[in-house]
Amino acid sequence: QVQLVESGGGLVQAGGSLRLSCTASRSVFSINIMGWFRQTPGKQRDMVATITQGGNTAYADSVQGRFTLSRDNAKNTIYLQMNSLKPEDTGVYYCAQDYYDDYEEWGSWGQGTQVTVSS
């Protein structure tokens, strides 16, 4: 089973930018769909963005136009570029793989990386 490690989180002021990375323990070439999720205390983990092997992306309405997801199969890594950050973007960000290509069964969760956006 692939292991995923997130990095790149931190504290940033509103309007700033961060780039999150998710690096896999093995090749992600065989993984069709990967995604980023955000969780805040007391709330469920919500999908932020997804990307297919072919590079097709989808975003939550709340981040559309501000976040960009990309993948580098040669580096076994996916990236989430976050611009124009808002305080409501605060949370722990996790990456995961879609086990059955159905956008439902996600797994191989990493430990997460904290993003805090101050107003």
C-alpha atoms as a PDB file:
ATOM      1  CA  GLN A   1       0.000   0.000   0.000  1.00  0.00           C
ATOM      2  CA  VAL A   2       1.300   3.415  -0.885  1.00  0.00           C
ATOM      3  CA  GLN A   3       2.208   5.808   1.905  1.00  0.00           C
ATOM      4  CA  LEU A   4       1.567   9.505   1.408  1.00  0.00           C
ATOM      5  CA  VAL A   5       3.422  12.322   3.154  1.00  0.00           C
ATOM      6  CA  GLU A   6       2.101  15.864   3.096  1.00  0.00           C
ATOM      7  CA  SER A   7       4.250  18.955   3.602  1.00  0.00           C
ATOM      8  CA  GLY A   8       4.282  22.669   2.964  1.00  0.00           C
ATOM      9  CA  GLY A   9       1.758  23.923   5.463  1.00  0.00           C
ATOM     10  CA  GLY A  10       2.320  26.893   7.697  1.00  0.00           C
ATOM     11  CA  LEU A  11       1.048  30.217   8.944  1.00  0.00           C
ATOM     12  CA  VAL A  12       0.271  32.869   6.356  1.00  0.00           C
ATOM     13  CA  GLN A  13      -1.647  36.125   6.271  1.00  0.00           C
ATOM     14  CA  ALA A  14      -4.846  36.448   4.322  1.00  0.00           C
ATOM     15  CA  GLY A  15      -4.087  37.062   0.677  1.00  0.00           C
ATOM     16  CA  GLY A  16      -0.881  35.076   0.834  1.00  0.00           C
ATOM     17  CA  SER A  17       0.125  31.826  -0.842  1.00  0.00           C
ATOM     18  CA  LEU A  18       1.326  28.371   0.082  1.00  0.00           C
ATOM     19  CA  ARG A  19       2.236  25.292  -1.915  1.00  0.00           C
ATOM     20  CA  LEU A  20       1.462  21.928  -0.418  1.00  0.00           C
ATOM     21  CA  SER A  21       3.202  18.757  -1.539  1.00  0.00           C
ATOM     22  CA  CYS A  22       2.103  15.161  -1.243  1.00  0.00           C
ATOM     23  CA  THR A  23       4.848  12.638  -1.907  1.00  0.00           C
ATOM     24  CA  ALA A  24       4.165   8.947  -2.304  1.00  0.00           C
ATOM     25  CA  SER A  25       6.356   6.073  -1.170  1.00  0.00           C
ATOM     26  CA  ARG A  26       6.172   4.503  -4.608  1.00  0.00           C
ATOM     27  CA  SER A  27       5.221   5.413  -8.136  1.00  0.00           C
ATOM     28  CA  VAL A  28       1.869   7.128  -8.469  1.00  0.00           C
ATOM     29  CA  PHE A  29       1.723   6.356 -12.155  1.00  0.00           C
ATOM     30  CA  SER A  30      -0.710   3.529 -11.472  1.00  0.00           C
ATOM     31  CA  ILE A  31      -2.941   5.688  -9.282  1.00  0.00           C
ATOM     32  CA  ASN A  32      -5.594   7.320 -11.429  1.00  0.00           C
ATOM     33  CA  ILE A  33      -7.207   9.772  -9.055  1.00  0.00           C
ATOM     34  CA  MET A  34      -5.618  11.587  -6.145  1.00  0.00           C
ATOM     35  CA  GLY A  35      -7.023  14.351  -4.058  1.00  0.00           C
ATOM     36  CA  TRP A  36      -6.572  16.907  -1.317  1.00  0.00           C
ATOM     37  CA  PHE A  37      -8.945  17.238   1.611  1.00  0.00           C
ATOM     38  CA  ARG A  38      -9.302  19.755   4.428  1.00  0.00           C
ATOM     39  CA  GLN A  39     -10.463  19.136   7.959  1.00  0.00           C
ATOM     40  CA  THR A  40     -11.238  21.603  10.713  1.00  0.00           C
ATOM     41  CA  PRO A  41     -11.964  20.739  14.365  1.00  0.00           C
ATOM     42  CA  GLY A  42     -15.363  19.167  14.835  1.00  0.00           C
ATOM     43  CA  LYS A  43     -16.075  18.913  11.135  1.00  0.00           C
ATOM     44  CA  GLN A  44     -15.782  16.200   8.553  1.00  0.00           C
ATOM     45  CA  ARG A  45     -12.979  15.993   6.071  1.00  0.00           C
ATOM     46  CA  ASP A  46     -14.046  17.854   2.933  1.00  0.00           C
ATOM     47  CA  MET A  47     -12.722  17.421  -0.556  1.00  0.00           C
ATOM     48  CA  VAL A  48     -10.758  20.411  -1.821  1.00  0.00           C
ATOM     49  CA  ALA A  49      -9.419  19.260  -5.176  1.00  0.00           C
ATOM     50  CA  THR A  50      -8.869  16.131  -7.231  1.00  0.00           C
ATOM     51  CA  ILE A  51      -6.688  15.221 -10.172  1.00  0.00           C
ATOM     52  CA  THR A  52      -6.703  12.304 -12.577  1.00  0.00           C
ATOM     53  CA  GLN A  53      -3.761  10.576 -14.202  1.00  0.00           C
ATOM     54  CA  GLY A  54      -4.502  12.570 -17.318  1.00  0.00           C
ATOM     55  CA  GLY A  55      -4.345  15.832 -15.450  1.00  0.00           C
ATOM     56  CA  ASN A  56      -8.051  16.563 -15.255  1.00  0.00           C
ATOM     57  CA  THR A  57      -8.787  18.559 -12.144  1.00  0.00           C
ATOM     58  CA  ALA A  58     -11.849  19.413 -10.122  1.00  0.00           C
ATOM     59  CA  TYR A  59     -12.187  21.891  -7.287  1.00  0.00           C
ATOM     60  CA  ALA A  60     -14.556  22.708  -4.482  1.00  0.00           C
ATOM     61  CA  ASP A  61     -16.510  25.866  -5.204  1.00  0.00           C
ATOM     62  CA  SER A  62     -14.856  27.594  -2.268  1.00  0.00           C
ATOM     63  CA  VAL A  63     -11.371  27.300  -3.791  1.00  0.00           C
ATOM     64  CA  GLN A  64     -12.150  27.476  -7.506  1.00  0.00           C
ATOM     65  CA  GLY A  65      -9.939  30.056  -9.174  1.00  0.00           C
ATOM     66  CA  ARG A  66      -7.569  30.288  -6.213  1.00  0.00           C
ATOM     67  CA  PHE A  67      -6.133  26.781  -5.867  1.00  0.00           C
ATOM     68  CA  THR A  68      -4.337  24.771  -8.529  1.00  0.00           C
ATOM     69  CA  LEU A  69      -3.639  21.061  -8.293  1.00  0.00           C
ATOM     70  CA  SER A  70      -0.913  19.417 -10.339  1.00  0.00           C
ATOM     71  CA  ARG A  71       0.980  16.146 -10.342  1.00  0.00           C
ATOM     72  CA  ASP A  72       4.506  15.122 -11.224  1.00  0.00           C
ATOM     73  CA  ASN A  73       4.568  11.390 -11.725  1.00  0.00           C
ATOM     74  CA  ALA A  74       8.346  11.362 -12.116  1.00  0.00           C
ATOM     75  CA  LYS A  75       8.645  12.710  -8.571  1.00  0.00           C
ATOM     76  CA  ASN A  76       5.724  10.682  -7.197  1.00  0.00           C
ATOM     77  CA  THR A  77       4.278  13.964  -5.990  1.00  0.00           C
ATOM     78  CA  ILE A  78       1.146  16.041  -6.306  1.00  0.00           C
ATOM     79  CA  TYR A  79       1.103  19.730  -5.514  1.00  0.00           C
ATOM     80  CA  LEU A  80      -1.604  22.086  -4.320  1.00  0.00           C
ATOM     81  CA  GLN A  81      -0.814  25.709  -5.077  1.00  0.00           C
ATOM     82  CA  MET A  82      -2.971  27.893  -2.873  1.00  0.00           C
ATOM     83  CA  ASN A  83      -3.247  31.592  -3.684  1.00  0.00           C
ATOM     84  CA  SER A  84      -5.337  34.429  -2.279  1.00  0.00           C
ATOM     85  CA  LEU A  85      -5.725  32.498   0.925  1.00  0.00           C
ATOM     86  CA  LYS A  86      -8.603  33.300   3.252  1.00  0.00           C
ATOM     87  CA  PRO A  87      -9.038  32.606   6.976  1.00  0.00           C
ATOM     88  CA  GLU A  88     -11.687  30.020   6.091  1.00  0.00           C
ATOM     89  CA  ASP A  89      -9.000  28.006   4.288  1.00  0.00           C
ATOM     90  CA  THR A  90      -7.517  27.189   7.673  1.00  0.00           C
ATOM     91  CA  GLY A  91      -7.386  23.507   8.523  1.00  0.00           C
ATOM     92  CA  VAL A  92      -5.375  20.335   8.306  1.00  0.00           C
ATOM     93  CA  TYR A  93      -4.843  19.305   4.698  1.00  0.00           C
ATOM     94  CA  TYR A  94      -4.589  15.661   3.745  1.00  0.00           C
ATOM     95  CA  CYS A  95      -3.918  13.927   0.477  1.00  0.00           C
ATOM     96  CA  ALA A  96      -5.309  10.552  -0.473  1.00  0.00           C
ATOM     97  CA  GLN A  97      -5.766   8.122  -3.308  1.00  0.00           C
ATOM     98  CA  ASP A  98      -9.072   7.070  -4.762  1.00  0.00           C
ATOM     99  CA  TYR A  99      -9.170   3.297  -4.469  1.00  0.00           C
ATOM    100  CA  TYR A 100     -11.912   2.614  -7.005  1.00  0.00           C
ATOM    101  CA  ASP A 101     -11.945   5.721  -9.203  1.00  0.00           C
ATOM    102  CA  ASP A 102     -15.381   6.609  -7.911  1.00  0.00           C
ATOM    103  CA  TYR A 103     -14.551   9.723  -5.877  1.00  0.00           C
ATOM    104  CA  GLU A 104     -16.011   7.854  -2.895  1.00  0.00           C
ATOM    105  CA  GLU A 105     -13.509   5.375  -1.463  1.00  0.00           C
ATOM    106  CA  TRP A 106     -10.439   7.329  -0.417  1.00  0.00           C
ATOM    107  CA  GLY A 107      -7.501   5.999   1.523  1.00  0.00           C
ATOM    108  CA  SER A 108      -3.770   5.897   2.209  1.00  0.00           C
ATOM    109  CA  TRP A 109      -4.207   9.069   4.218  1.00  0.00           C
ATOM    110  CA  GLY A 110      -1.060  10.889   5.246  1.00  0.00           C
ATOM    111  CA  GLN A 111      -0.505  12.601   8.578  1.00  0.00           C
ATOM    112  CA  GLY A 112      -1.717  15.920   7.228  1.00  0.00           C
ATOM    113  CA  THR A 113      -0.173  19.373   7.172  1.00  0.00           C
ATOM    114  CA  GLN A 114      -1.578  22.346   9.079  1.00  0.00           C
ATOM    115  CA  VAL A 115      -2.503  25.499   7.202  1.00  0.00           C
ATOM    116  CA  THR A 116      -3.380  28.568   9.232  1.00  0.00           C
ATOM    117  CA  VAL A 117      -4.490  31.778   7.555  1.00  0.00           C
ATOM    118  CA  SER A 118      -4.630  34.830   9.760  1.00  0.00           C
ATOM    119  CA  SER A 119      -6.907  37.764   9.062  1.00  0.00           C
END
